Amino acid sequence: MALEHADVLRAAHLARLGLDDDEAAHYLDDLGRILAMVDQLQTLDTEGVAPLAHPLETTQQLRVDEITETDQRDRFQRCAPAVEQGLYLVPRVVE
C-alpha cells in the first residue's frame, strides 16, 4: 500500500494533531516502514499455528484466598466525622 503525504496529513487531522510539512514527511517515512513490515508479516505461512494469549507458557501464581487481616471497621469509623449504618457520610459534591 502506497502512503502519500496527503494521507499522513489527513490522519493527523482526524487525530487532531497539528503537523507541519517537515513532520508529515518524517511520519510518512516511519509509517511507510511500518506498513512494509506488516506486508512482510502477511506473507508468512501461519497455517496450523494456534493463536496465543501470551507468548510464554506460564501460569499465574495465585495466593491462597485466606483472611490475613482482622476487621477494623468499627475502629476506623469511630474517628470518622459522620457515619450512619456502617457507611461513611460525606458532603454532597454534585448538585
N, C-alpha and C. Protein backbone atom coordinates (compact mmCIF):
# COMPACT_ATOMS: atom_id res chain seq x y z
N MET A 1 0.84 -1.17 0.00
CA MET A 1 0.00 0.00 0.00
C MET A 1 0.89 1.24 0.00
N ALA A 2 0.71 2.08 -0.98
CA ALA A 2 1.50 3.30 -1.07
C ALA A 2 0.85 4.39 -0.23
N LEU A 3 1.63 4.96 0.64
CA LEU A 3 1.14 6.02 1.50
C LEU A 3 1.63 7.35 0.95
N GLU A 4 0.76 8.32 0.90
CA GLU A 4 1.11 9.62 0.35
C GLU A 4 1.11 10.68 1.45
N HIS A 5 1.72 11.80 1.14
CA HIS A 5 1.83 12.92 2.08
C HIS A 5 0.44 13.38 2.54
N ALA A 6 -0.50 13.41 1.62
CA ALA A 6 -1.87 13.84 1.96
C ALA A 6 -2.53 12.87 2.93
N ASP A 7 -2.20 11.57 2.83
CA ASP A 7 -2.75 10.57 3.75
C ASP A 7 -2.29 10.84 5.18
N VAL A 8 -1.01 11.19 5.33
CA VAL A 8 -0.47 11.48 6.66
C VAL A 8 -1.13 12.72 7.23
N LEU A 9 -1.29 13.75 6.41
CA LEU A 9 -1.94 14.97 6.89
C LEU A 9 -3.39 14.73 7.27
N ARG A 10 -4.08 13.88 6.51
CA ARG A 10 -5.48 13.56 6.83
C ARG A 10 -5.57 12.79 8.13
N ALA A 11 -4.68 11.80 8.32
CA ALA A 11 -4.68 11.03 9.58
C ALA A 11 -4.36 11.95 10.76
N ALA A 12 -3.44 12.88 10.57
CA ALA A 12 -3.11 13.82 11.64
C ALA A 12 -4.31 14.71 11.95
N HIS A 13 -5.02 15.14 10.92
CA HIS A 13 -6.21 15.96 11.14
C HIS A 13 -7.28 15.18 11.91
N LEU A 14 -7.50 13.93 11.53
CA LEU A 14 -8.50 13.11 12.22
C LEU A 14 -8.12 12.86 13.67
N ALA A 15 -6.81 12.77 13.93
CA ALA A 15 -6.32 12.55 15.30
C ALA A 15 -6.16 13.87 16.06
N ARG A 16 -6.53 14.95 15.41
CA ARG A 16 -6.42 16.29 15.99
C ARG A 16 -4.98 16.62 16.37
N LEU A 17 -4.04 16.26 15.47
CA LEU A 17 -2.62 16.57 15.66
C LEU A 17 -2.24 17.67 14.69
N GLY A 18 -1.49 18.63 15.17
CA GLY A 18 -1.01 19.69 14.30
C GLY A 18 0.36 19.35 13.77
N LEU A 19 0.46 18.95 12.51
CA LEU A 19 1.75 18.60 11.90
C LEU A 19 2.07 19.60 10.80
N ASP A 20 3.34 20.01 10.76
CA ASP A 20 3.76 20.81 9.61
C ASP A 20 4.28 19.86 8.53
N ASP A 21 4.70 20.39 7.39
CA ASP A 21 5.11 19.55 6.27
C ASP A 21 6.35 18.72 6.59
N ASP A 22 7.30 19.27 7.36
CA ASP A 22 8.51 18.51 7.70
C ASP A 22 8.18 17.31 8.59
N GLU A 23 7.32 17.55 9.58
CA GLU A 23 6.91 16.46 10.47
C GLU A 23 6.12 15.40 9.69
N ALA A 24 5.26 15.85 8.78
CA ALA A 24 4.47 14.90 7.99
C ALA A 24 5.38 14.05 7.12
N ALA A 25 6.44 14.64 6.57
CA ALA A 25 7.39 13.87 5.76
C ALA A 25 8.11 12.82 6.62
N HIS A 26 8.45 13.20 7.84
CA HIS A 26 9.10 12.25 8.76
C HIS A 26 8.15 11.08 9.07
N TYR A 27 6.90 11.41 9.38
CA TYR A 27 5.93 10.36 9.69
C TYR A 27 5.60 9.52 8.45
N LEU A 28 5.68 10.12 7.27
CA LEU A 28 5.45 9.37 6.04
C LEU A 28 6.47 8.27 5.91
N ASP A 29 7.74 8.57 6.20
CA ASP A 29 8.80 7.54 6.15
C ASP A 29 8.55 6.47 7.20
N ASP A 30 8.25 6.88 8.43
CA ASP A 30 8.02 5.91 9.52
C ASP A 30 6.83 5.01 9.22
N LEU A 31 5.73 5.61 8.81
CA LEU A 31 4.54 4.81 8.52
C LEU A 31 4.76 3.90 7.32
N GLY A 32 5.53 4.36 6.35
CA GLY A 32 5.85 3.51 5.20
C GLY A 32 6.62 2.27 5.62
N ARG A 33 7.59 2.44 6.54
CA ARG A 33 8.35 1.27 7.02
C ARG A 33 7.46 0.33 7.83
N ILE A 34 6.55 0.89 8.61
CA ILE A 34 5.63 0.06 9.40
C ILE A 34 4.73 -0.74 8.47
N LEU A 35 4.17 -0.10 7.46
CA LEU A 35 3.30 -0.81 6.52
C LEU A 35 4.06 -1.86 5.72
N ALA A 36 5.32 -1.58 5.39
CA ALA A 36 6.15 -2.58 4.69
C ALA A 36 6.37 -3.79 5.59
N MET A 37 6.58 -3.57 6.88
CA MET A 37 6.77 -4.68 7.81
C MET A 37 5.48 -5.50 7.93
N VAL A 38 4.33 -4.83 7.97
CA VAL A 38 3.06 -5.55 8.03
C VAL A 38 2.87 -6.38 6.77
N ASP A 39 3.20 -5.83 5.61
CA ASP A 39 3.12 -6.59 4.35
C ASP A 39 4.02 -7.82 4.40
N GLN A 40 5.21 -7.65 4.96
CA GLN A 40 6.15 -8.77 5.08
C GLN A 40 5.59 -9.84 6.01
N LEU A 41 4.98 -9.43 7.11
CA LEU A 41 4.40 -10.39 8.04
C LEU A 41 3.22 -11.14 7.43
N GLN A 42 2.49 -10.47 6.55
CA GLN A 42 1.33 -11.12 5.94
C GLN A 42 1.73 -12.20 4.93
N THR A 43 2.98 -12.22 4.49
CA THR A 43 3.43 -13.25 3.56
C THR A 43 3.78 -14.55 4.28
N LEU A 44 3.90 -14.52 5.60
CA LEU A 44 4.27 -15.72 6.35
C LEU A 44 3.14 -16.73 6.36
N ASP A 45 3.52 -18.01 6.35
CA ASP A 45 2.54 -19.08 6.42
C ASP A 45 2.25 -19.36 7.89
N THR A 46 1.05 -19.08 8.31
CA THR A 46 0.66 -19.30 9.70
C THR A 46 -0.36 -20.43 9.82
N GLU A 47 -0.46 -21.24 8.80
CA GLU A 47 -1.40 -22.37 8.83
C GLU A 47 -0.98 -23.34 9.93
N GLY A 48 -1.92 -23.70 10.79
CA GLY A 48 -1.65 -24.64 11.87
C GLY A 48 -1.04 -24.01 13.11
N VAL A 49 -0.84 -22.72 13.11
CA VAL A 49 -0.29 -22.05 14.29
C VAL A 49 -1.46 -21.57 15.14
N ALA A 50 -1.52 -22.05 16.36
CA ALA A 50 -2.62 -21.68 17.25
C ALA A 50 -2.38 -20.28 17.80
N PRO A 51 -3.44 -19.47 17.89
CA PRO A 51 -3.28 -18.14 18.47
C PRO A 51 -2.95 -18.24 19.95
N LEU A 52 -2.15 -17.29 20.43
CA LEU A 52 -1.73 -17.27 21.82
C LEU A 52 -2.28 -16.04 22.54
N ALA A 53 -2.59 -16.21 23.80
CA ALA A 53 -2.95 -15.07 24.62
C ALA A 53 -1.68 -14.43 25.19
N HIS A 54 -0.61 -15.23 25.30
CA HIS A 54 0.66 -14.77 25.83
C HIS A 54 1.76 -15.60 25.20
N PRO A 55 2.90 -15.02 24.86
CA PRO A 55 3.93 -15.79 24.18
C PRO A 55 4.65 -16.82 25.05
N LEU A 56 4.53 -16.72 26.35
CA LEU A 56 5.21 -17.65 27.24
C LEU A 56 4.22 -18.66 27.80
N GLU A 57 4.67 -19.87 27.96
CA GLU A 57 3.84 -20.95 28.53
C GLU A 57 3.94 -20.90 30.05
N THR A 58 3.36 -19.90 30.65
CA THR A 58 3.41 -19.78 32.10
C THR A 58 2.00 -19.68 32.65
N THR A 59 1.89 -19.95 33.93
CA THR A 59 0.61 -19.78 34.61
C THR A 59 0.79 -18.74 35.70
N GLN A 60 -0.29 -18.08 36.04
CA GLN A 60 -0.26 -17.06 37.07
C GLN A 60 -0.25 -17.73 38.44
N GLN A 61 0.72 -17.37 39.25
CA GLN A 61 0.78 -17.90 40.61
C GLN A 61 -0.21 -17.12 41.46
N LEU A 62 -1.18 -17.80 42.01
CA LEU A 62 -2.20 -17.15 42.82
C LEU A 62 -1.96 -17.47 44.29
N ARG A 63 -2.22 -16.48 45.12
CA ARG A 63 -2.08 -16.71 46.55
C ARG A 63 -3.33 -17.42 47.07
N VAL A 64 -3.21 -18.02 48.21
CA VAL A 64 -4.33 -18.69 48.84
C VAL A 64 -5.34 -17.63 49.27
N ASP A 65 -6.61 -17.89 49.03
CA ASP A 65 -7.65 -16.94 49.39
C ASP A 65 -8.00 -17.14 50.86
N GLU A 66 -7.26 -16.44 51.72
CA GLU A 66 -7.50 -16.55 53.15
C GLU A 66 -7.43 -15.16 53.78
N ILE A 67 -8.09 -15.00 54.89
CA ILE A 67 -8.12 -13.74 55.61
C ILE A 67 -6.76 -13.52 56.26
N THR A 68 -6.16 -12.35 56.01
CA THR A 68 -4.85 -12.06 56.58
C THR A 68 -4.90 -10.89 57.56
N GLU A 69 -6.01 -10.15 57.58
CA GLU A 69 -6.15 -9.01 58.50
C GLU A 69 -7.47 -9.13 59.24
N THR A 70 -7.50 -8.55 60.41
CA THR A 70 -8.74 -8.56 61.18
C THR A 70 -9.63 -7.40 60.75
N ASP A 71 -10.92 -7.54 60.99
CA ASP A 71 -11.88 -6.49 60.66
C ASP A 71 -11.72 -5.33 61.63
N GLN A 72 -11.38 -4.15 61.12
CA GLN A 72 -11.16 -2.97 61.95
C GLN A 72 -12.13 -1.84 61.59
N ARG A 73 -13.25 -2.18 60.98
CA ARG A 73 -14.18 -1.16 60.53
C ARG A 73 -14.66 -0.29 61.70
N ASP A 74 -15.04 -0.90 62.81
CA ASP A 74 -15.55 -0.13 63.96
C ASP A 74 -14.49 0.84 64.47
N ARG A 75 -13.27 0.42 64.51
CA ARG A 75 -12.18 1.29 64.98
C ARG A 75 -12.01 2.49 64.05
N PHE A 76 -12.04 2.26 62.75
CA PHE A 76 -11.87 3.35 61.78
C PHE A 76 -13.08 4.27 61.77
N GLN A 77 -14.26 3.72 61.96
CA GLN A 77 -15.44 4.57 61.92
C GLN A 77 -15.59 5.42 63.18
N ARG A 78 -14.96 5.03 64.28
CA ARG A 78 -15.01 5.84 65.50
C ARG A 78 -14.33 7.19 65.28
N CYS A 79 -13.32 7.25 64.42
CA CYS A 79 -12.62 8.52 64.20
C CYS A 79 -13.15 9.27 62.98
N ALA A 80 -14.16 8.72 62.31
CA ALA A 80 -14.75 9.39 61.15
C ALA A 80 -15.70 10.49 61.62
N PRO A 81 -15.79 11.61 60.88
CA PRO A 81 -16.67 12.70 61.30
C PRO A 81 -18.15 12.34 61.28
N ALA A 82 -18.59 11.51 60.30
CA ALA A 82 -20.01 11.16 60.22
C ALA A 82 -20.15 9.75 59.66
N VAL A 83 -20.90 8.93 60.39
CA VAL A 83 -21.13 7.54 59.99
C VAL A 83 -22.59 7.22 60.24
N GLU A 84 -23.18 6.44 59.34
CA GLU A 84 -24.56 6.01 59.55
C GLU A 84 -24.71 4.60 58.99
N GLN A 85 -25.16 3.68 59.81
CA GLN A 85 -25.40 2.28 59.44
C GLN A 85 -24.17 1.65 58.77
N GLY A 86 -22.97 1.95 59.32
CA GLY A 86 -21.75 1.35 58.81
C GLY A 86 -21.19 2.03 57.57
N LEU A 87 -21.80 3.13 57.13
CA LEU A 87 -21.32 3.85 55.94
C LEU A 87 -20.75 5.20 56.34
N TYR A 88 -19.74 5.64 55.63
CA TYR A 88 -19.17 6.97 55.86
C TYR A 88 -20.03 8.00 55.14
N LEU A 89 -20.42 9.05 55.85
CA LEU A 89 -21.20 10.12 55.26
C LEU A 89 -20.24 11.25 54.87
N VAL A 90 -20.39 11.71 53.62
CA VAL A 90 -19.53 12.77 53.10
C VAL A 90 -20.41 13.89 52.56
N PRO A 91 -19.86 15.10 52.46
CA PRO A 91 -20.66 16.20 51.91
C PRO A 91 -21.01 15.94 50.44
N ARG A 92 -22.16 16.44 50.05
CA ARG A 92 -22.60 16.31 48.66
C ARG A 92 -21.67 17.13 47.78
N VAL A 93 -21.20 16.52 46.68
CA VAL A 93 -20.28 17.18 45.78
C VAL A 93 -21.00 17.62 44.52
N VAL A 94 -21.90 16.80 44.00
CA VAL A 94 -22.62 17.09 42.78
C VAL A 94 -24.03 17.53 43.16
N GLU A 95 -24.45 18.64 42.63
CA GLU A 95 -25.78 19.15 42.92
C GLU A 95 -26.78 18.56 41.94
